[in-house]
Amino acid sequence: GDSLMAYEMNDTFDGELNFITILTMISIFMVVA
């Protein structure tokens, strides 16, 4: 359900967001470099 998805995302939000952010930055960095 939507609320369950939000609950699970809330539990893993910080870790997943940081992982996606760093992965995106590294990928873009390598292309521009």
All heavy atoms as atom14 arrays in JSON, in Angstrom:
{
  "sequence": "GDSLMAYEMNDTFDGELNFITILTMISIFMVVA",
  "atom14_mask": [
    [1, 1, 1, 1, 0, 0, 0, 0, 0, 0, 0, 0, 0, 0],
    [1, 1, 1, 1, 1, 1, 1, 1, 0, 0, 0, 0, 0, 0],
    [1, 1, 1, 1, 1, 1, 0, 0, 0, 0, 0, 0, 0, 0],
    [1, 1, 1, 1, 1, 1, 1, 1, 0, 0, 0, 0, 0, 0],
    [1, 1, 1, 1, 1, 1, 1, 1, 0, 0, 0, 0, 0, 0],
    [1, 1, 1, 1, 1, 0, 0, 0, 0, 0, 0, 0, 0, 0],
    [1, 1, 1, 1, 1, 1, 1, 1, 1, 1, 1, 1, 0, 0],
    [1, 1, 1, 1, 1, 1, 1, 1, 1, 0, 0, 0, 0, 0],
    [1, 1, 1, 1, 1, 1, 1, 1, 0, 0, 0, 0, 0, 0],
    [1, 1, 1, 1, 1, 1, 1, 1, 0, 0, 0, 0, 0, 0],
    [1, 1, 1, 1, 1, 1, 1, 1, 0, 0, 0, 0, 0, 0],
    [1, 1, 1, 1, 1, 1, 1, 0, 0, 0, 0, 0, 0, 0],
    [1, 1, 1, 1, 1, 1, 1, 1, 1, 1, 1, 0, 0, 0],
    [1, 1, 1, 1, 1, 1, 1, 1, 0, 0, 0, 0, 0, 0],
    [1, 1, 1, 1, 0, 0, 0, 0, 0, 0, 0, 0, 0, 0],
    [1, 1, 1, 1, 1, 1, 1, 1, 1, 0, 0, 0, 0, 0],
    [1, 1, 1, 1, 1, 1, 1, 1, 0, 0, 0, 0, 0, 0],
    [1, 1, 1, 1, 1, 1, 1, 1, 0, 0, 0, 0, 0, 0],
    [1, 1, 1, 1, 1, 1, 1, 1, 1, 1, 1, 0, 0, 0],
    [1, 1, 1, 1, 1, 1, 1, 1, 0, 0, 0, 0, 0, 0],
    [1, 1, 1, 1, 1, 1, 1, 0, 0, 0, 0, 0, 0, 0],
    [1, 1, 1, 1, 1, 1, 1, 1, 0, 0, 0, 0, 0, 0],
    [1, 1, 1, 1, 1, 1, 1, 1, 0, 0, 0, 0, 0, 0],
    [1, 1, 1, 1, 1, 1, 1, 0, 0, 0, 0, 0, 0, 0],
    [1, 1, 1, 1, 1, 1, 1, 1, 0, 0, 0, 0, 0, 0],
    [1, 1, 1, 1, 1, 1, 1, 1, 0, 0, 0, 0, 0, 0],
    [1, 1, 1, 1, 1, 1, 0, 0, 0, 0, 0, 0, 0, 0],
    [1, 1, 1, 1, 1, 1, 1, 1, 0, 0, 0, 0, 0, 0],
    [1, 1, 1, 1, 1, 1, 1, 1, 1, 1, 1, 0, 0, 0],
    [1, 1, 1, 1, 1, 1, 1, 1, 0, 0, 0, 0, 0, 0],
    [1, 1, 1, 1, 1, 1, 1, 0, 0, 0, 0, 0, 0, 0],
    [1, 1, 1, 1, 1, 1, 1, 0, 0, 0, 0, 0, 0, 0],
    [1, 1, 1, 1, 1, 0, 0, 0, 0, 0, 0, 0, 0, 0]
  ],
  "atom14_positions": [
    [[0.82, -1.2, 0.0], [0.0, 0.0, 0.0], [0.85, 1.25, 0.0], [2.07, 1.21, 0.27], [0.0, 0.0, 0.0], [0.0, 0.0, 0.0], [0.0, 0.0, 0.0], [0.0, 0.0, 0.0], [0.0, 0.0, 0.0], [0.0, 0.0, 0.0], [0.0, 0.0, 0.0], [0.0, 0.0, 0.0], [0.0, 0.0, 0.0], [0.0, 0.0, 0.0]],
    [[0.24, 2.37, -0.29], [0.97, 3.64, -0.35], [1.59, 3.99, 1.0], [2.75, 4.41, 1.07], [0.03, 4.77, -0.8], [-0.4, 4.6, -2.25], [0.29, 3.85, -2.97], [-1.4, 5.22, -2.64], [0.0, 0.0, 0.0], [0.0, 0.0, 0.0], [0.0, 0.0, 0.0], [0.0, 0.0, 0.0], [0.0, 0.0, 0.0], [0.0, 0.0, 0.0]],
    [[0.8, 3.85, 2.06], [1.32, 4.19, 3.39], [2.46, 3.27, 3.79], [3.44, 3.71, 4.41], [0.19, 4.12, 4.43], [-0.79, 5.08, 4.17], [0.0, 0.0, 0.0], [0.0, 0.0, 0.0], [0.0, 0.0, 0.0], [0.0, 0.0, 0.0], [0.0, 0.0, 0.0], [0.0, 0.0, 0.0], [0.0, 0.0, 0.0], [0.0, 0.0, 0.0]],
    [[2.36, 1.98, 3.43], [3.43, 1.03, 3.74], [4.7, 1.38, 2.99], [5.82, 1.3, 3.53], [2.99, -0.38, 3.4], [2.37, -1.22, 4.51], [3.36, -1.43, 5.65], [1.09, -0.62, 5.03], [0.0, 0.0, 0.0], [0.0, 0.0, 0.0], [0.0, 0.0, 0.0], [0.0, 0.0, 0.0], [0.0, 0.0, 0.0], [0.0, 0.0, 0.0]],
    [[4.54, 1.8, 1.72], [5.69, 2.19, 0.92], [6.36, 3.42, 1.54], [7.59, 3.49, 1.65], [5.26, 2.47, -0.51], [6.41, 2.82, -1.45], [5.89, 2.97, -3.18], [4.81, 4.4, -3.08], [0.0, 0.0, 0.0], [0.0, 0.0, 0.0], [0.0, 0.0, 0.0], [0.0, 0.0, 0.0], [0.0, 0.0, 0.0], [0.0, 0.0, 0.0]],
    [[5.52, 4.37, 1.97], [6.06, 5.59, 2.6], [6.76, 5.24, 3.91], [7.8, 5.81, 4.24], [4.93, 6.58, 2.85], [0.0, 0.0, 0.0], [0.0, 0.0, 0.0], [0.0, 0.0, 0.0], [0.0, 0.0, 0.0], [0.0, 0.0, 0.0], [0.0, 0.0, 0.0], [0.0, 0.0, 0.0], [0.0, 0.0, 0.0], [0.0, 0.0, 0.0]],
    [[6.19, 4.29, 4.66], [6.78, 3.87, 5.95], [8.16, 3.26, 5.72], [9.12, 3.58, 6.43], [5.85, 2.86, 6.61], [6.41, 2.18, 7.82], [6.44, 2.83, 9.06], [6.91, 0.88, 7.74], [6.96, 2.2, 10.18], [7.43, 0.25, 8.86], [7.45, 0.9, 10.07], [7.96, 0.27, 11.19], [0.0, 0.0, 0.0], [0.0, 0.0, 0.0]],
    [[8.26, 2.38, 4.72], [9.55, 1.75, 4.44], [10.56, 2.76, 3.92], [11.74, 2.71, 4.26], [9.35, 0.61, 3.44], [8.55, -0.56, 4.02], [8.31, -1.65, 3.0], [8.73, -1.47, 1.83], [7.71, -2.67, 3.37], [0.0, 0.0, 0.0], [0.0, 0.0, 0.0], [0.0, 0.0, 0.0], [0.0, 0.0, 0.0], [0.0, 0.0, 0.0]],
    [[10.07, 3.68, 3.09], [10.97, 4.73, 2.58], [11.45, 5.62, 3.71], [12.61, 6.06, 3.74], [10.26, 5.56, 1.52], [10.06, 4.82, 0.21], [9.21, 5.87, -1.01], [9.25, 4.79, -2.45], [0.0, 0.0, 0.0], [0.0, 0.0, 0.0], [0.0, 0.0, 0.0], [0.0, 0.0, 0.0], [0.0, 0.0, 0.0], [0.0, 0.0, 0.0]],
    [[10.55, 5.91, 4.66], [10.92, 6.75, 5.79], [12.03, 6.11, 6.62], [12.92, 6.78, 7.13], [9.69, 7.0, 6.66], [9.96, 7.95, 7.81], [10.24, 9.13, 7.61], [9.91, 7.43, 9.03], [0.0, 0.0, 0.0], [0.0, 0.0, 0.0], [0.0, 0.0, 0.0], [0.0, 0.0, 0.0], [0.0, 0.0, 0.0], [0.0, 0.0, 0.0]],
    [[11.94, 4.77, 6.75], [12.96, 4.05, 7.52], [14.31, 4.05, 6.82], [15.36, 4.06, 7.46], [12.51, 2.6, 7.75], [11.65, 2.47, 8.98], [11.43, 3.5, 9.67], [11.18, 1.34, 9.28], [0.0, 0.0, 0.0], [0.0, 0.0, 0.0], [0.0, 0.0, 0.0], [0.0, 0.0, 0.0], [0.0, 0.0, 0.0], [0.0, 0.0, 0.0]],
    [[14.31, 4.02, 5.5], [15.56, 3.9, 4.75], [15.9, 5.18, 3.98], [16.82, 5.18, 3.16], [15.43, 2.73, 3.75], [14.33, 2.98, 2.86], [15.17, 1.42, 4.48], [0.0, 0.0, 0.0], [0.0, 0.0, 0.0], [0.0, 0.0, 0.0], [0.0, 0.0, 0.0], [0.0, 0.0, 0.0], [0.0, 0.0, 0.0], [0.0, 0.0, 0.0]],
    [[15.17, 6.28, 4.27], [15.28, 7.51, 3.47], [16.71, 8.06, 3.45], [17.28, 8.28, 2.38], [14.32, 8.57, 3.99], [14.4, 9.88, 3.26], [13.73, 10.06, 2.06], [15.15, 10.93, 3.76], [13.8, 11.27, 1.38], [15.24, 12.13, 3.09], [14.56, 12.29, 1.9], [0.0, 0.0, 0.0], [0.0, 0.0, 0.0], [0.0, 0.0, 0.0]],
    [[17.27, 8.28, 4.62], [18.59, 8.93, 4.69], [19.64, 8.12, 3.97], [20.42, 8.66, 3.16], [19.0, 9.12, 6.16], [18.14, 10.16, 6.85], [17.52, 10.97, 6.13], [18.06, 10.13, 8.09], [0.0, 0.0, 0.0], [0.0, 0.0, 0.0], [0.0, 0.0, 0.0], [0.0, 0.0, 0.0], [0.0, 0.0, 0.0], [0.0, 0.0, 0.0]],
    [[19.67, 6.82, 4.23], [20.7, 5.99, 3.62], [20.54, 5.9, 2.12], [21.53, 6.04, 1.37], [0.0, 0.0, 0.0], [0.0, 0.0, 0.0], [0.0, 0.0, 0.0], [0.0, 0.0, 0.0], [0.0, 0.0, 0.0], [0.0, 0.0, 0.0], [0.0, 0.0, 0.0], [0.0, 0.0, 0.0], [0.0, 0.0, 0.0], [0.0, 0.0, 0.0]],
    [[19.33, 5.7, 1.66], [19.11, 5.57, 0.22], [19.35, 6.89, -0.5], [19.9, 6.92, -1.61], [17.69, 5.05, -0.04], [17.49, 3.6, 0.37], [16.12, 3.07, -0.01], [15.33, 3.84, -0.59], [15.84, 1.9, 0.28], [0.0, 0.0, 0.0], [0.0, 0.0, 0.0], [0.0, 0.0, 0.0], [0.0, 0.0, 0.0], [0.0, 0.0, 0.0]],
    [[18.88, 7.99, 0.11], [19.07, 9.29, -0.53], [20.55, 9.62, -0.65], [21.02, 10.08, -1.7], [18.35, 10.38, 0.26], [18.47, 11.8, -0.31], [17.86, 11.87, -1.7], [17.8, 12.82, 0.61], [0.0, 0.0, 0.0], [0.0, 0.0, 0.0], [0.0, 0.0, 0.0], [0.0, 0.0, 0.0], [0.0, 0.0, 0.0], [0.0, 0.0, 0.0]],
    [[21.3, 9.38, 0.41], [22.74, 9.66, 0.36], [23.43, 8.77, -0.68], [24.31, 9.24, -1.42], [23.37, 9.41, 1.74], [22.92, 10.46, 2.76], [22.54, 11.57, 2.38], [22.96, 10.11, 4.02], [0.0, 0.0, 0.0], [0.0, 0.0, 0.0], [0.0, 0.0, 0.0], [0.0, 0.0, 0.0], [0.0, 0.0, 0.0], [0.0, 0.0, 0.0]],
    [[23.0, 7.51, -0.74], [23.61, 6.59, -1.71], [23.34, 7.05, -3.13], [24.25, 7.09, -3.98], [23.05, 5.18, -1.48], [23.53, 4.18, -2.49], [24.81, 3.66, -2.43], [22.7, 3.77, -3.53], [25.27, 2.74, -3.38], [23.13, 2.86, -4.48], [24.42, 2.34, -4.4], [0.0, 0.0, 0.0], [0.0, 0.0, 0.0], [0.0, 0.0, 0.0]],
    [[22.08, 7.41, -3.43], [21.71, 7.86, -4.78], [22.44, 9.16, -5.11], [22.93, 9.37, -6.23], [20.19, 8.06, -4.9], [19.47, 6.73, -4.74], [19.82, 8.7, -6.22], [19.8, 5.72, -5.81], [0.0, 0.0, 0.0], [0.0, 0.0, 0.0], [0.0, 0.0, 0.0], [0.0, 0.0, 0.0], [0.0, 0.0, 0.0], [0.0, 0.0, 0.0]],
    [[22.52, 10.07, -4.14], [23.18, 11.37, -4.37], [24.64, 11.18, -4.71], [25.16, 11.75, -5.67], [23.03, 12.25, -3.11], [21.64, 12.46, -2.85], [23.71, 13.59, -3.33], [0.0, 0.0, 0.0], [0.0, 0.0, 0.0], [0.0, 0.0, 0.0], [0.0, 0.0, 0.0], [0.0, 0.0, 0.0], [0.0, 0.0, 0.0], [0.0, 0.0, 0.0]],
    [[25.32, 10.38, -3.9], [26.76, 10.15, -4.13], [27.0, 9.43, -5.44], [27.9, 9.78, -6.21], [27.35, 9.34, -2.95], [27.33, 10.2, -1.68], [28.78, 8.89, -3.26], [27.69, 9.44, -0.41], [0.0, 0.0, 0.0], [0.0, 0.0, 0.0], [0.0, 0.0, 0.0], [0.0, 0.0, 0.0], [0.0, 0.0, 0.0], [0.0, 0.0, 0.0]],
    [[26.15, 8.43, -5.73], [26.3, 7.68, -6.98], [26.1, 8.6, -8.18], [26.86, 8.53, -9.17], [25.29, 6.54, -7.01], [25.37, 5.59, -8.21], [26.71, 4.86, -8.23], [24.23, 4.58, -8.18], [0.0, 0.0, 0.0], [0.0, 0.0, 0.0], [0.0, 0.0, 0.0], [0.0, 0.0, 0.0], [0.0, 0.0, 0.0], [0.0, 0.0, 0.0]],
    [[25.09, 9.48, -8.11], [24.84, 10.41, -9.2], [25.99, 11.39, -9.38], [26.44, 11.66, -10.51], [23.54, 11.2, -8.93], [22.46, 10.29, -8.75], [23.21, 12.13, -10.08], [0.0, 0.0, 0.0], [0.0, 0.0, 0.0], [0.0, 0.0, 0.0], [0.0, 0.0, 0.0], [0.0, 0.0, 0.0], [0.0, 0.0, 0.0], [0.0, 0.0, 0.0]],
    [[26.48, 11.9, -8.27], [27.59, 12.87, -8.33], [28.84, 12.24, -8.93], [29.53, 12.86, -9.76], [27.89, 13.41, -6.92], [26.78, 14.3, -6.36], [27.07, 14.79, -4.64], [28.57, 15.76, -4.8], [0.0, 0.0, 0.0], [0.0, 0.0, 0.0], [0.0, 0.0, 0.0], [0.0, 0.0, 0.0], [0.0, 0.0, 0.0], [0.0, 0.0, 0.0]],
    [[29.13, 11.01, -8.52], [30.33, 10.33, -9.04], [30.18, 10.07, -10.53], [31.14, 10.29, -11.31], [30.56, 9.01, -8.27], [30.97, 9.31, -6.83], [31.63, 8.16, -8.97], [31.08, 8.05, -5.95], [0.0, 0.0, 0.0], [0.0, 0.0, 0.0], [0.0, 0.0, 0.0], [0.0, 0.0, 0.0], [0.0, 0.0, 0.0], [0.0, 0.0, 0.0]],
    [[28.98, 9.63, -10.95], [28.76, 9.34, -12.37], [28.93, 10.6, -13.22], [29.61, 10.59, -14.27], [27.36, 8.76, -12.58], [27.2, 7.57, -11.83], [0.0, 0.0, 0.0], [0.0, 0.0, 0.0], [0.0, 0.0, 0.0], [0.0, 0.0, 0.0], [0.0, 0.0, 0.0], [0.0, 0.0, 0.0], [0.0, 0.0, 0.0], [0.0, 0.0, 0.0]],
    [[28.29, 11.7, -12.8], [28.4, 12.96, -13.54], [29.83, 13.47, -13.51], [30.36, 13.98, -14.52], [27.43, 14.01, -12.95], [25.98, 13.52, -13.04], [27.59, 15.34, -13.67], [25.48, 13.3, -14.43], [0.0, 0.0, 0.0], [0.0, 0.0, 0.0], [0.0, 0.0, 0.0], [0.0, 0.0, 0.0], [0.0, 0.0, 0.0], [0.0, 0.0, 0.0]],
    [[30.46, 13.34, -12.35], [31.85, 13.81, -12.19], [32.77, 13.12, -13.19], [33.61, 13.77, -13.84], [32.32, 13.54, -10.76], [33.73, 13.96, -10.48], [34.01, 15.25, -10.04], [34.8, 13.09, -10.68], [35.31, 15.65, -9.78], [36.09, 13.48, -10.44], [36.36, 14.76, -9.99], [0.0, 0.0, 0.0], [0.0, 0.0, 0.0], [0.0, 0.0, 0.0]],
    [[32.6, 11.81, -13.34], [33.49, 11.05, -14.24], [33.28, 11.48, -15.69], [34.25, 11.63, -16.45], [33.21, 9.55, -14.08], [33.64, 9.0, -12.73], [33.24, 7.25, -12.54], [34.25, 6.53, -13.81], [0.0, 0.0, 0.0], [0.0, 0.0, 0.0], [0.0, 0.0, 0.0], [0.0, 0.0, 0.0], [0.0, 0.0, 0.0], [0.0, 0.0, 0.0]],
    [[32.03, 11.7, -16.09], [31.75, 12.12, -17.47], [32.38, 13.49, -17.75], [33.03, 13.7, -18.78], [30.23, 12.16, -17.71], [29.93, 12.77, -19.08], [29.64, 10.75, -17.63], [0.0, 0.0, 0.0], [0.0, 0.0, 0.0], [0.0, 0.0, 0.0], [0.0, 0.0, 0.0], [0.0, 0.0, 0.0], [0.0, 0.0, 0.0], [0.0, 0.0, 0.0]],
    [[32.16, 14.44, -16.82], [32.69, 15.81, -17.02], [34.22, 15.81, -16.96], [34.89, 16.52, -17.72], [32.1, 16.76, -15.97], [32.7, 18.17, -16.12], [30.59, 16.81, -16.09], [0.0, 0.0, 0.0], [0.0, 0.0, 0.0], [0.0, 0.0, 0.0], [0.0, 0.0, 0.0], [0.0, 0.0, 0.0], [0.0, 0.0, 0.0], [0.0, 0.0, 0.0]],
    [[34.78, 14.98, -16.07], [36.24, 14.91, -15.94], [36.86, 14.41, -17.24], [37.91, 14.9, -17.68], [36.6, 14.0, -14.77], [0.0, 0.0, 0.0], [0.0, 0.0, 0.0], [0.0, 0.0, 0.0], [0.0, 0.0, 0.0], [0.0, 0.0, 0.0], [0.0, 0.0, 0.0], [0.0, 0.0, 0.0], [0.0, 0.0, 0.0], [0.0, 0.0, 0.0]]
  ]
}
